[in-house]
Amino acid sequence: MGQRHADAAAALRPTDPQRRYLERGLSEPGGKLPLFDRDGRAVAPRTIQACIAHGWAAPWFNNPAKPDWLVCRLTAKGYAVLGRTPPDQPPRDAGSGDRAPIRSRPKNREN
């Protein structure tokens, strides 16, 4: 039954409202998803919750001013269901890499 479950999950596609919601994240930094639709109405909580349940969106952070607002971002599955690949993410710690740290040479104090 594992293969059937995988096939069913792969065949699952977002509804029109879910797709509109997810597509808005494609043009936002970090895949941030909107709280409001293009007409200024709040996105239906059931749309947001369904996208989270399918793994297409993930809660991003809490809004202390409006704790009932669910701020989300697109996930890799969300990009995939829209036929896109997630943008390259910068390394978490840009200061660490494969190179050794640059050390300054001691100053010559022979003067």
C-alpha atoms as a PDB file:
ATOM      1  CA  MET A   1       0.000   0.000   0.000  1.00  0.00           C
ATOM      2  CA  GLY A   2       2.992   2.331   0.323  1.00  0.00           C
ATOM      3  CA  GLN A   3       3.211   2.817  -3.444  1.00  0.00           C
ATOM      4  CA  ARG A   4      -0.512   3.580  -3.732  1.00  0.00           C
ATOM      5  CA  HIS A   5      -0.216   6.184  -1.001  1.00  0.00           C
ATOM      6  CA  ALA A   6       2.758   7.788  -2.800  1.00  0.00           C
ATOM      7  CA  ASP A   7       0.843   7.792  -6.097  1.00  0.00           C
ATOM      8  CA  ALA A   8      -2.200   9.371  -4.461  1.00  0.00           C
ATOM      9  CA  ALA A   9      -0.066  12.073  -2.862  1.00  0.00           C
ATOM     10  CA  ALA A  10       1.649  12.800  -6.177  1.00  0.00           C
ATOM     11  CA  ALA A  11      -1.713  13.104  -7.949  1.00  0.00           C
ATOM     12  CA  LEU A  12      -3.028  15.574  -5.353  1.00  0.00           C
ATOM     13  CA  ARG A  13      -3.294  19.077  -6.757  1.00  0.00           C
ATOM     14  CA  PRO A  14      -4.384  22.308  -5.062  1.00  0.00           C
ATOM     15  CA  THR A  15      -7.868  23.709  -5.599  1.00  0.00           C
ATOM     16  CA  ASP A  16      -8.157  27.035  -7.427  1.00  0.00           C
ATOM     17  CA  PRO A  17      -8.200  29.094  -4.190  1.00  0.00           C
ATOM     18  CA  GLN A  18      -5.244  27.104  -2.820  1.00  0.00           C
ATOM     19  CA  ARG A  19      -3.305  27.570  -6.068  1.00  0.00           C
ATOM     20  CA  ARG A  20      -3.966  31.335  -6.083  1.00  0.00           C
ATOM     21  CA  TYR A  21      -2.768  31.544  -2.481  1.00  0.00           C
ATOM     22  CA  LEU A  22       0.387  29.516  -3.153  1.00  0.00           C
ATOM     23  CA  GLU A  23       1.236  31.340  -6.390  1.00  0.00           C
ATOM     24  CA  ARG A  24       1.411  34.643  -4.537  1.00  0.00           C
ATOM     25  CA  GLY A  25       4.448  33.313  -2.659  1.00  0.00           C
ATOM     26  CA  LEU A  26       6.424  32.818  -5.875  1.00  0.00           C
ATOM     27  CA  SER A  27       7.204  36.518  -6.182  1.00  0.00           C
ATOM     28  CA  GLU A  28       7.845  37.198  -2.498  1.00  0.00           C
ATOM     29  CA  PRO A  29      11.185  36.973  -0.682  1.00  0.00           C
ATOM     30  CA  GLY A  30      11.493  33.639   1.093  1.00  0.00           C
ATOM     31  CA  GLY A  31       8.227  32.451  -0.472  1.00  0.00           C
ATOM     32  CA  LYS A  32       6.163  34.495   2.010  1.00  0.00           C
ATOM     33  CA  LEU A  33       2.488  33.806   1.542  1.00  0.00           C
ATOM     34  CA  PRO A  34      -0.115  36.572   1.771  1.00  0.00           C
ATOM     35  CA  LEU A  35      -2.577  37.232   4.556  1.00  0.00           C
ATOM     36  CA  PHE A  36      -4.961  38.932   2.125  1.00  0.00           C
ATOM     37  CA  ASP A  37      -6.088  38.212  -1.433  1.00  0.00           C
ATOM     38  CA  ARG A  38      -5.665  40.690  -4.295  1.00  0.00           C
ATOM     39  CA  ASP A  39      -9.033  42.262  -3.427  1.00  0.00           C
ATOM     40  CA  GLY A  40      -7.957  42.958   0.166  1.00  0.00           C
ATOM     41  CA  ARG A  41      -9.994  40.181   1.784  1.00  0.00           C
ATOM     42  CA  ALA A  42      -8.382  37.869   4.319  1.00  0.00           C
ATOM     43  CA  VAL A  43      -7.352  34.527   2.859  1.00  0.00           C
ATOM     44  CA  ALA A  44      -9.750  31.892   4.192  1.00  0.00           C
ATOM     45  CA  PRO A  45      -8.223  30.079   7.174  1.00  0.00           C
ATOM     46  CA  ARG A  46      -9.356  26.739   5.696  1.00  0.00           C
ATOM     47  CA  THR A  47      -7.303  27.499   2.557  1.00  0.00           C
ATOM     48  CA  ILE A  48      -4.206  28.197   4.651  1.00  0.00           C
ATOM     49  CA  GLN A  49      -4.762  25.156   6.887  1.00  0.00           C
ATOM     50  CA  ALA A  50      -5.312  22.853   3.881  1.00  0.00           C
ATOM     51  CA  CYS A  51      -2.051  24.047   2.295  1.00  0.00           C
ATOM     52  CA  ILE A  52      -0.219  23.409   5.574  1.00  0.00           C
ATOM     53  CA  ALA A  53      -1.822  19.961   5.888  1.00  0.00           C
ATOM     54  CA  HIS A  54      -0.648  19.022   2.385  1.00  0.00           C
ATOM     55  CA  GLY A  55       2.882  20.268   3.133  1.00  0.00           C
ATOM     56  CA  TRP A  56       2.718  23.050   0.519  1.00  0.00           C
ATOM     57  CA  ALA A  57       2.996  25.809   3.136  1.00  0.00           C
ATOM     58  CA  ALA A  58       4.571  26.036   6.568  1.00  0.00           C
ATOM     59  CA  PRO A  59       4.038  28.493   9.411  1.00  0.00           C
ATOM     60  CA  TRP A  60       6.881  31.002   9.330  1.00  0.00           C
ATOM     61  CA  PHE A  61       6.555  33.159  12.407  1.00  0.00           C
ATOM     62  CA  ASN A  62       4.013  34.449  14.889  1.00  0.00           C
ATOM     63  CA  ASN A  63       2.694  37.982  14.575  1.00  0.00           C
ATOM     64  CA  PRO A  64       2.560  39.336  18.149  1.00  0.00           C
ATOM     65  CA  ALA A  65       0.245  42.186  17.103  1.00  0.00           C
ATOM     66  CA  LYS A  66      -2.219  39.773  15.480  1.00  0.00           C
ATOM     67  CA  PRO A  67      -1.734  36.302  16.998  1.00  0.00           C
ATOM     68  CA  ASP A  68      -4.686  34.893  15.031  1.00  0.00           C
ATOM     69  CA  TRP A  69      -2.958  35.702  11.707  1.00  0.00           C
ATOM     70  CA  LEU A  70      -0.981  32.759  10.378  1.00  0.00           C
ATOM     71  CA  VAL A  71       2.088  33.973   8.471  1.00  0.00           C
ATOM     72  CA  CYS A  72       3.353  31.171   6.222  1.00  0.00           C
ATOM     73  CA  ARG A  73       5.903  30.501   3.509  1.00  0.00           C
ATOM     74  CA  LEU A  74       6.053  28.122   0.572  1.00  0.00           C
ATOM     75  CA  THR A  75       7.773  24.802   1.194  1.00  0.00           C
ATOM     76  CA  ALA A  76       9.740  22.741  -1.326  1.00  0.00           C
ATOM     77  CA  LYS A  77       6.523  20.720  -1.877  1.00  0.00           C
ATOM     78  CA  GLY A  78       4.655  23.968  -2.453  1.00  0.00           C
ATOM     79  CA  TYR A  79       7.087  25.043  -5.160  1.00  0.00           C
ATOM     80  CA  ALA A  80       6.913  21.548  -6.683  1.00  0.00           C
ATOM     81  CA  VAL A  81       3.099  21.456  -6.831  1.00  0.00           C
ATOM     82  CA  LEU A  82       3.285  24.747  -8.743  1.00  0.00           C
ATOM     83  CA  GLY A  83       5.838  23.266 -11.142  1.00  0.00           C
ATOM     84  CA  ARG A  84       8.709  25.362  -9.810  1.00  0.00           C
ATOM     85  CA  THR A  85      11.945  24.703  -7.999  1.00  0.00           C
ATOM     86  CA  PRO A  86      12.688  26.563  -4.774  1.00  0.00           C
ATOM     87  CA  PRO A  87      15.164  29.421  -5.157  1.00  0.00           C
ATOM     88  CA  ASP A  88      18.678  28.799  -3.921  1.00  0.00           C
ATOM     89  CA  GLN A  89      18.916  29.623  -0.267  1.00  0.00           C
ATOM     90  CA  PRO A  90      22.010  31.407   1.044  1.00  0.00           C
ATOM     91  CA  PRO A  91      24.036  29.412   3.554  1.00  0.00           C
ATOM     92  CA  ARG A  92      22.771  29.780   7.107  1.00  0.00           C
ATOM     93  CA  ASP A  93      26.122  31.106   8.252  1.00  0.00           C
ATOM     94  CA  ALA A  94      27.620  33.036   5.369  1.00  0.00           C
ATOM     95  CA  GLY A  95      30.778  33.583   7.407  1.00  0.00           C
ATOM     96  CA  SER A  96      31.659  29.913   7.539  1.00  0.00           C
ATOM     97  CA  GLY A  97      32.731  28.097   4.466  1.00  0.00           C
ATOM     98  CA  ASP A  98      35.271  25.649   3.229  1.00  0.00           C
ATOM     99  CA  ARG A  99      38.045  28.194   3.330  1.00  0.00           C
ATOM    100  CA  ALA A 100      40.211  28.812   6.360  1.00  0.00           C
ATOM    101  CA  PRO A 101      39.692  32.152   8.075  1.00  0.00           C
ATOM    102  CA  ILE A 102      41.901  35.010   6.894  1.00  0.00           C
ATOM    103  CA  ARG A 103      44.399  36.009   9.537  1.00  0.00           C
ATOM    104  CA  SER A 104      46.318  39.217   9.466  1.00  0.00           C
ATOM    105  CA  ARG A 105      50.063  39.091   9.689  1.00  0.00           C
ATOM    106  CA  PRO A 106      51.691  40.516  12.778  1.00  0.00           C
ATOM    107  CA  LYS A 107      53.131  43.971  12.180  1.00  0.00           C
ATOM    108  CA  ASN A 108      56.879  44.248  12.043  1.00  0.00           C
ATOM    109  CA  ARG A 109      57.924  46.488  14.926  1.00  0.00           C
ATOM    110  CA  GLU A 110      61.600  46.826  14.123  1.00  0.00           C
ATOM    111  CA  ASN A 111      61.481  50.615  13.743  1.00  0.00           C
END
